[in-house]
Amino acid sequence: MTLVMMSTTAVPVLMSLHSVTTSSAARNAQTVWWAFVLAYLIVWLSFASVASSLQLAIAELNLFDAHNGLNKSLSGGLLITAGLYQFSSIKQRCQSECVAPMQFFFRHWRDGVAGGFKMGLRHGMTCVGCCWALMLLAFVGGLSNIWFMVLSAAVMAIEKFPVIGRRITLPLGVLITIWGVAVLASLFTGGDIAQSHIHP
């Protein structure tokens, strides 16, 4: 899940860093790139480990439905949380750095292996801060639903576009929040608004 969904975030920043290091005359330019990649992977693998642990805990508690998605009450809560997070200042700050990787490097550049590692940690945490809530929606869509993950990855990729990204963040938050409210409302109305419509 993490590999598929993080690729849309990782590729632009790694390409930008590659452009910077290949045009640099410094001897250690390539080592900066590799140090950045190592730190970046550490951050994302840590997130993947936390998500996997969460998955195991949910499975132990028997909170998944027949489609490997969360039950309605947890799905609704997670949807509302992810939707409201789109409006948070943390989301806005993280997104600002993610949509402009070149500006990130101009602002936070550090030389040497240690500098590359620090930049990788910083940008990795920034990207996780931008995407974690949307990525956890895979628990709602169903962990076996590849189409939901592809759709989520596409949405996160669009959010990284400098012009379009900022325009969809808040409307997306509204839609996700409404979806969550509808899922919770279905618990009281006896309807089936939950997740069945997103499974192929």
C-alpha atoms as a PDB file:
ATOM      1  CA  MET A   1       0.000   0.000   0.000  1.00  0.00           C
ATOM      2  CA  THR A   2       2.715   2.459   0.999  1.00  0.00           C
ATOM      3  CA  LEU A   3       4.845   1.713  -2.077  1.00  0.00           C
ATOM      4  CA  VAL A   4       1.965   2.346  -4.477  1.00  0.00           C
ATOM      5  CA  MET A   5       0.686   5.461  -2.772  1.00  0.00           C
ATOM      6  CA  MET A   6       4.010   7.114  -1.878  1.00  0.00           C
ATOM      7  CA  SER A   7       5.370   6.899  -5.425  1.00  0.00           C
ATOM      8  CA  THR A   8       3.350   9.907  -6.552  1.00  0.00           C
ATOM      9  CA  THR A   9       4.928  11.921  -3.751  1.00  0.00           C
ATOM     10  CA  ALA A  10       8.471  10.571  -3.955  1.00  0.00           C
ATOM     11  CA  VAL A  11       9.147  10.721  -7.693  1.00  0.00           C
ATOM     12  CA  PRO A  12       8.931  14.537  -8.138  1.00  0.00           C
ATOM     13  CA  VAL A  13      11.188  15.321  -5.172  1.00  0.00           C
ATOM     14  CA  LEU A  14      13.772  12.684  -6.092  1.00  0.00           C
ATOM     15  CA  MET A  15      13.866  13.923  -9.692  1.00  0.00           C
ATOM     16  CA  SER A  16      14.320  17.493  -8.468  1.00  0.00           C
ATOM     17  CA  LEU A  17      17.161  16.468  -6.163  1.00  0.00           C
ATOM     18  CA  HIS A  18      18.753  14.476  -8.988  1.00  0.00           C
ATOM     19  CA  SER A  19      18.715  17.596 -11.168  1.00  0.00           C
ATOM     20  CA  VAL A  20      20.376  19.593  -8.397  1.00  0.00           C
ATOM     21  CA  THR A  21      23.083  17.034  -7.679  1.00  0.00           C
ATOM     22  CA  THR A  22      23.927  16.273 -11.312  1.00  0.00           C
ATOM     23  CA  SER A  23      24.397  19.972 -12.051  1.00  0.00           C
ATOM     24  CA  SER A  24      26.559  20.469  -8.967  1.00  0.00           C
ATOM     25  CA  ALA A  25      30.323  20.531  -9.199  1.00  0.00           C
ATOM     26  CA  ALA A  26      30.722  19.321  -5.616  1.00  0.00           C
ATOM     27  CA  ARG A  27      32.436  15.967  -5.201  1.00  0.00           C
ATOM     28  CA  ASN A  28      29.905  14.661  -2.712  1.00  0.00           C
ATOM     29  CA  ALA A  29      26.825  15.623  -4.744  1.00  0.00           C
ATOM     30  CA  GLN A  30      25.855  12.017  -5.446  1.00  0.00           C
ATOM     31  CA  THR A  31      26.389  10.954  -1.840  1.00  0.00           C
ATOM     32  CA  VAL A  32      23.994  13.721  -0.807  1.00  0.00           C
ATOM     33  CA  TRP A  33      21.375  12.152  -3.105  1.00  0.00           C
ATOM     34  CA  TRP A  34      21.836   8.673  -1.657  1.00  0.00           C
ATOM     35  CA  ALA A  35      21.816   9.963   1.919  1.00  0.00           C
ATOM     36  CA  PHE A  36      18.571  11.799   1.165  1.00  0.00           C
ATOM     37  CA  VAL A  37      17.009   8.652  -0.335  1.00  0.00           C
ATOM     38  CA  LEU A  38      18.065   6.556   2.671  1.00  0.00           C
ATOM     39  CA  ALA A  39      16.539   8.969   5.168  1.00  0.00           C
ATOM     40  CA  TYR A  40      13.424   9.391   3.022  1.00  0.00           C
ATOM     41  CA  LEU A  41      12.924   5.609   2.926  1.00  0.00           C
ATOM     42  CA  ILE A  42      13.447   5.337   6.679  1.00  0.00           C
ATOM     43  CA  VAL A  43      10.611   7.790   7.280  1.00  0.00           C
ATOM     44  CA  TRP A  44       8.238   6.057   4.871  1.00  0.00           C
ATOM     45  CA  LEU A  45       9.119   2.562   6.061  1.00  0.00           C
ATOM     46  CA  SER A  46       8.463   3.730   9.621  1.00  0.00           C
ATOM     47  CA  PHE A  47       5.046   4.951   8.522  1.00  0.00           C
ATOM     48  CA  ALA A  48       4.427   1.628   6.757  1.00  0.00           C
ATOM     49  CA  SER A  49       5.370  -0.245   9.937  1.00  0.00           C
ATOM     50  CA  VAL A  50       2.925   1.817  11.987  1.00  0.00           C
ATOM     51  CA  ALA A  51       0.172   1.279   9.393  1.00  0.00           C
ATOM     52  CA  SER A  52       0.884  -2.471   9.319  1.00  0.00           C
ATOM     53  CA  SER A  53       0.762  -2.655  13.106  1.00  0.00           C
ATOM     54  CA  LEU A  54      -2.541  -0.804  13.024  1.00  0.00           C
ATOM     55  CA  GLN A  55      -3.844  -3.271  10.433  1.00  0.00           C
ATOM     56  CA  LEU A  56      -2.853  -6.232  12.609  1.00  0.00           C
ATOM     57  CA  ALA A  57      -4.476  -4.661  15.671  1.00  0.00           C
ATOM     58  CA  ILE A  58      -7.711  -4.014  13.773  1.00  0.00           C
ATOM     59  CA  ALA A  59      -7.704  -7.579  12.454  1.00  0.00           C
ATOM     60  CA  GLU A  60      -7.157  -8.956  15.983  1.00  0.00           C
ATOM     61  CA  LEU A  61     -10.158  -6.977  17.164  1.00  0.00           C
ATOM     62  CA  ASN A  62     -12.199  -8.297  14.217  1.00  0.00           C
ATOM     63  CA  LEU A  63     -13.081  -4.788  13.019  1.00  0.00           C
ATOM     64  CA  PHE A  64     -12.749  -5.477   9.290  1.00  0.00           C
ATOM     65  CA  ASP A  65     -15.768  -6.246   7.122  1.00  0.00           C
ATOM     66  CA  ALA A  66     -16.029  -8.881   4.381  1.00  0.00           C
ATOM     67  CA  HIS A  67     -14.170  -6.593   1.924  1.00  0.00           C
ATOM     68  CA  ASN A  68     -11.203  -6.008   4.259  1.00  0.00           C
ATOM     69  CA  GLY A  69     -12.439  -2.502   5.013  1.00  0.00           C
ATOM     70  CA  LEU A  70     -13.212  -1.044   8.415  1.00  0.00           C
ATOM     71  CA  ASN A  71     -16.654  -1.417   9.913  1.00  0.00           C
ATOM     72  CA  LYS A  72     -19.035   1.511   9.505  1.00  0.00           C
ATOM     73  CA  SER A  73     -18.423   3.310  12.773  1.00  0.00           C
ATOM     74  CA  LEU A  74     -14.632   3.307  12.391  1.00  0.00           C
ATOM     75  CA  SER A  75     -14.893   4.100   8.675  1.00  0.00           C
ATOM     76  CA  GLY A  76     -17.069   7.118   9.384  1.00  0.00           C
ATOM     77  CA  GLY A  77     -14.724   8.341  12.110  1.00  0.00           C
ATOM     78  CA  LEU A  78     -11.638   7.946   9.930  1.00  0.00           C
ATOM     79  CA  LEU A  79     -13.309   9.674   6.988  1.00  0.00           C
ATOM     80  CA  ILE A  80     -14.319  12.655   9.120  1.00  0.00           C
ATOM     81  CA  THR A  81     -10.829  12.839  10.632  1.00  0.00           C
ATOM     82  CA  ALA A  82      -9.200  12.761   7.176  1.00  0.00           C
ATOM     83  CA  GLY A  83     -11.669  15.296   5.823  1.00  0.00           C
ATOM     84  CA  LEU A  84     -11.127  17.776   8.656  1.00  0.00           C
ATOM     85  CA  TYR A  85      -7.351  17.304   8.447  1.00  0.00           C
ATOM     86  CA  GLN A  86      -7.491  18.815   4.951  1.00  0.00           C
ATOM     87  CA  PHE A  87      -8.345  22.141   6.630  1.00  0.00           C
ATOM     88  CA  SER A  88      -5.580  22.007   9.233  1.00  0.00           C
ATOM     89  CA  SER A  89      -2.585  24.354   9.278  1.00  0.00           C
ATOM     90  CA  ILE A  90      -0.252  21.331   9.465  1.00  0.00           C
ATOM     91  CA  LYS A  91      -1.665  20.014   6.194  1.00  0.00           C
ATOM     92  CA  GLN A  92      -1.279  23.433   4.578  1.00  0.00           C
ATOM     93  CA  ARG A  93       2.354  23.826   5.669  1.00  0.00           C
ATOM     94  CA  CYS A  94       3.335  20.320   4.611  1.00  0.00           C
ATOM     95  CA  GLN A  95       1.600  20.686   1.263  1.00  0.00           C
ATOM     96  CA  SER A  96       3.405  23.977   0.628  1.00  0.00           C
ATOM     97  CA  GLU A  97       6.774  22.212   0.809  1.00  0.00           C
ATOM     98  CA  CYS A  98       5.628  19.170  -1.139  1.00  0.00           C
ATOM     99  CA  VAL A  99       4.292  21.079  -4.159  1.00  0.00           C
ATOM    100  CA  ALA A 100       7.585  22.914  -4.713  1.00  0.00           C
ATOM    101  CA  PRO A 101      10.522  20.524  -4.176  1.00  0.00           C
ATOM    102  CA  MET A 102      13.042  22.891  -5.792  1.00  0.00           C
ATOM    103  CA  GLN A 103      12.080  25.643  -3.353  1.00  0.00           C
ATOM    104  CA  PHE A 104      12.473  23.134  -0.536  1.00  0.00           C
ATOM    105  CA  PHE A 105      16.062  22.443  -1.581  1.00  0.00           C
ATOM    106  CA  PHE A 106      16.890  26.125  -2.043  1.00  0.00           C
ATOM    107  CA  ARG A 107      15.519  26.852   1.425  1.00  0.00           C
ATOM    108  CA  HIS A 108      16.805  23.842   3.364  1.00  0.00           C
ATOM    109  CA  TRP A 109      19.904  22.725   1.457  1.00  0.00           C
ATOM    110  CA  ARG A 110      22.649  21.064   3.529  1.00  0.00           C
ATOM    111  CA  ASP A 111      25.981  19.829   2.192  1.00  0.00           C
ATOM    112  CA  GLY A 112      27.537  16.445   2.816  1.00  0.00           C
ATOM    113  CA  VAL A 113      26.149  13.064   3.755  1.00  0.00           C
ATOM    114  CA  ALA A 114      24.784  14.332   7.073  1.00  0.00           C
ATOM    115  CA  GLY A 115      23.133  17.245   5.288  1.00  0.00           C
ATOM    116  CA  GLY A 116      21.506  14.961   2.722  1.00  0.00           C
ATOM    117  CA  PHE A 117      20.277  12.688   5.491  1.00  0.00           C
ATOM    118  CA  LYS A 118      18.761  15.597   7.423  1.00  0.00           C
ATOM    119  CA  MET A 119      17.038  16.895   4.288  1.00  0.00           C
ATOM    120  CA  GLY A 120      15.658  13.418   3.616  1.00  0.00           C
ATOM    121  CA  LEU A 121      14.258  13.137   7.129  1.00  0.00           C
ATOM    122  CA  ARG A 122      12.711  16.597   6.950  1.00  0.00           C
ATOM    123  CA  HIS A 123      11.112  16.123   3.548  1.00  0.00           C
ATOM    124  CA  GLY A 124      10.012  12.578   4.361  1.00  0.00           C
ATOM    125  CA  MET A 125       8.217  13.779   7.486  1.00  0.00           C
ATOM    126  CA  THR A 126       6.734  16.651   5.495  1.00  0.00           C
ATOM    127  CA  CYS A 127       5.342  14.248   2.910  1.00  0.00           C
ATOM    128  CA  VAL A 128       3.937  11.941   5.568  1.00  0.00           C
ATOM    129  CA  GLY A 129       2.373  14.978   7.214  1.00  0.00           C
ATOM    130  CA  CYS A 130       0.738  15.854   3.928  1.00  0.00           C
ATOM    131  CA  CYS A 131      -0.519  12.381   2.979  1.00  0.00           C
ATOM    132  CA  TRP A 132      -0.986  10.194   6.066  1.00  0.00           C
ATOM    133  CA  ALA A 133      -4.725  10.794   6.474  1.00  0.00           C
ATOM    134  CA  LEU A 134      -5.517  10.143   2.827  1.00  0.00           C
ATOM    135  CA  MET A 135      -3.341   7.022   2.842  1.00  0.00           C
ATOM    136  CA  LEU A 136      -5.132   5.589   5.868  1.00  0.00           C
ATOM    137  CA  LEU A 137      -8.379   5.804   3.910  1.00  0.00           C
ATOM    138  CA  ALA A 138      -7.206   2.568   2.303  1.00  0.00           C
ATOM    139  CA  PHE A 139      -8.622   0.969   5.462  1.00  0.00           C
ATOM    140  CA  VAL A 140     -12.006   2.376   4.455  1.00  0.00           C
ATOM    141  CA  GLY A 141     -11.818   1.467   0.764  1.00  0.00           C
ATOM    142  CA  GLY A 142     -10.595  -2.039   1.517  1.00  0.00           C
ATOM    143  CA  LEU A 143      -6.982  -3.175   1.676  1.00  0.00           C
ATOM    144  CA  SER A 144      -7.602  -5.620  -1.167  1.00  0.00           C
ATOM    145  CA  ASN A 145      -9.148  -2.957  -3.406  1.00  0.00           C
ATOM    146  CA  ILE A 146      -6.335  -1.947  -5.772  1.00  0.00           C
ATOM    147  CA  TRP A 147      -8.607   0.479  -7.637  1.00  0.00           C
ATOM    148  CA  PHE A 148      -9.261   2.479  -4.487  1.00  0.00           C
ATOM    149  CA  MET A 149      -5.511   2.694  -3.860  1.00  0.00           C
ATOM    150  CA  VAL A 150      -4.869   3.799  -7.449  1.00  0.00           C
ATOM    151  CA  LEU A 151      -7.563   6.458  -7.097  1.00  0.00           C
ATOM    152  CA  SER A 152      -6.065   7.626  -3.795  1.00  0.00           C
ATOM    153  CA  ALA A 153      -2.588   7.782  -5.345  1.00  0.00           C
ATOM    154  CA  ALA A 154      -3.972   9.844  -8.234  1.00  0.00           C
ATOM    155  CA  VAL A 155      -5.653  12.277  -5.832  1.00  0.00           C
ATOM    156  CA  MET A 156      -2.434  12.687  -3.849  1.00  0.00           C
ATOM    157  CA  ALA A 157      -0.499  13.250  -7.075  1.00  0.00           C
ATOM    158  CA  ILE A 158      -2.923  15.987  -8.155  1.00  0.00           C
ATOM    159  CA  GLU A 159      -2.563  17.613  -4.737  1.00  0.00           C
ATOM    160  CA  LYS A 160       1.157  18.013  -5.490  1.00  0.00           C
ATOM    161  CA  PHE A 161       0.524  20.099  -8.629  1.00  0.00           C
ATOM    162  CA  PRO A 162       1.459  23.699  -7.728  1.00  0.00           C
ATOM    163  CA  VAL A 163      -1.649  25.339  -9.229  1.00  0.00           C
ATOM    164  CA  ILE A 164      -4.340  22.657  -9.140  1.00  0.00           C
ATOM    165  CA  GLY A 165      -3.336  21.068  -5.827  1.00  0.00           C
ATOM    166  CA  ARG A 166      -4.338  23.905  -3.546  1.00  0.00           C
ATOM    167  CA  ARG A 167      -7.677  24.249  -5.332  1.00  0.00           C
ATOM    168  CA  ILE A 168      -8.771  20.686  -4.632  1.00  0.00           C
ATOM    169  CA  THR A 169      -7.525  20.289  -1.055  1.00  0.00           C
ATOM    170  CA  LEU A 170     -10.409  22.053   0.685  1.00  0.00           C
ATOM    171  CA  PRO A 171     -13.200  20.756  -1.604  1.00  0.00           C
ATOM    172  CA  LEU A 172     -11.756  17.275  -1.135  1.00  0.00           C
ATOM    173  CA  GLY A 173     -11.906  17.782   2.616  1.00  0.00           C
ATOM    174  CA  VAL A 174     -15.570  18.762   2.357  1.00  0.00           C
ATOM    175  CA  LEU A 175     -16.419  15.695   0.253  1.00  0.00           C
ATOM    176  CA  ILE A 176     -14.571  13.279   2.545  1.00  0.00           C
ATOM    177  CA  THR A 177     -16.187  14.778   5.644  1.00  0.00           C
ATOM    178  CA  ILE A 178     -19.665  14.535   4.104  1.00  0.00           C
ATOM    179  CA  TRP A 179     -18.925  10.933   3.152  1.00  0.00           C
ATOM    180  CA  GLY A 180     -17.948  10.182   6.751  1.00  0.00           C
ATOM    181  CA  VAL A 181     -21.087  11.810   8.128  1.00  0.00           C
ATOM    182  CA  ALA A 182     -23.192   9.816   5.651  1.00  0.00           C
ATOM    183  CA  VAL A 183     -21.540   6.565   6.746  1.00  0.00           C
ATOM    184  CA  LEU A 184     -22.210   7.316  10.421  1.00  0.00           C
ATOM    185  CA  ALA A 185     -25.776   8.400   9.637  1.00  0.00           C
ATOM    186  CA  SER A 186     -26.397   5.062   7.938  1.00  0.00           C
ATOM    187  CA  LEU A 187     -25.807   3.363  11.293  1.00  0.00           C
ATOM    188  CA  PHE A 188     -28.925   5.059  12.653  1.00  0.00           C
ATOM    189  CA  THR A 189     -31.057   4.957   9.515  1.00  0.00           C
ATOM    190  CA  GLY A 190     -30.365   1.319   8.674  1.00  0.00           C
ATOM    191  CA  GLY A 191     -29.115   2.303   5.219  1.00  0.00           C
ATOM    192  CA  ASP A 192     -26.057   0.914   3.500  1.00  0.00           C
ATOM    193  CA  ILE A 193     -24.227   4.080   2.551  1.00  0.00           C
ATOM    194  CA  ALA A 194     -20.910   2.751   3.717  1.00  0.00           C
ATOM    195  CA  GLN A 195     -18.332   1.252   1.459  1.00  0.00           C
ATOM    196  CA  SER A 196     -20.092  -1.223  -0.800  1.00  0.00           C
ATOM    197  CA  HIS A 197     -20.204   1.240  -3.693  1.00  0.00           C
ATOM    198  CA  ILE A 198     -16.440   1.569  -3.854  1.00  0.00           C
ATOM    199  CA  HIS A 199     -15.761  -2.132  -4.318  1.00  0.00           C
ATOM    200  CA  PRO A 200     -15.558  -3.368  -7.908  1.00  0.00           C
END
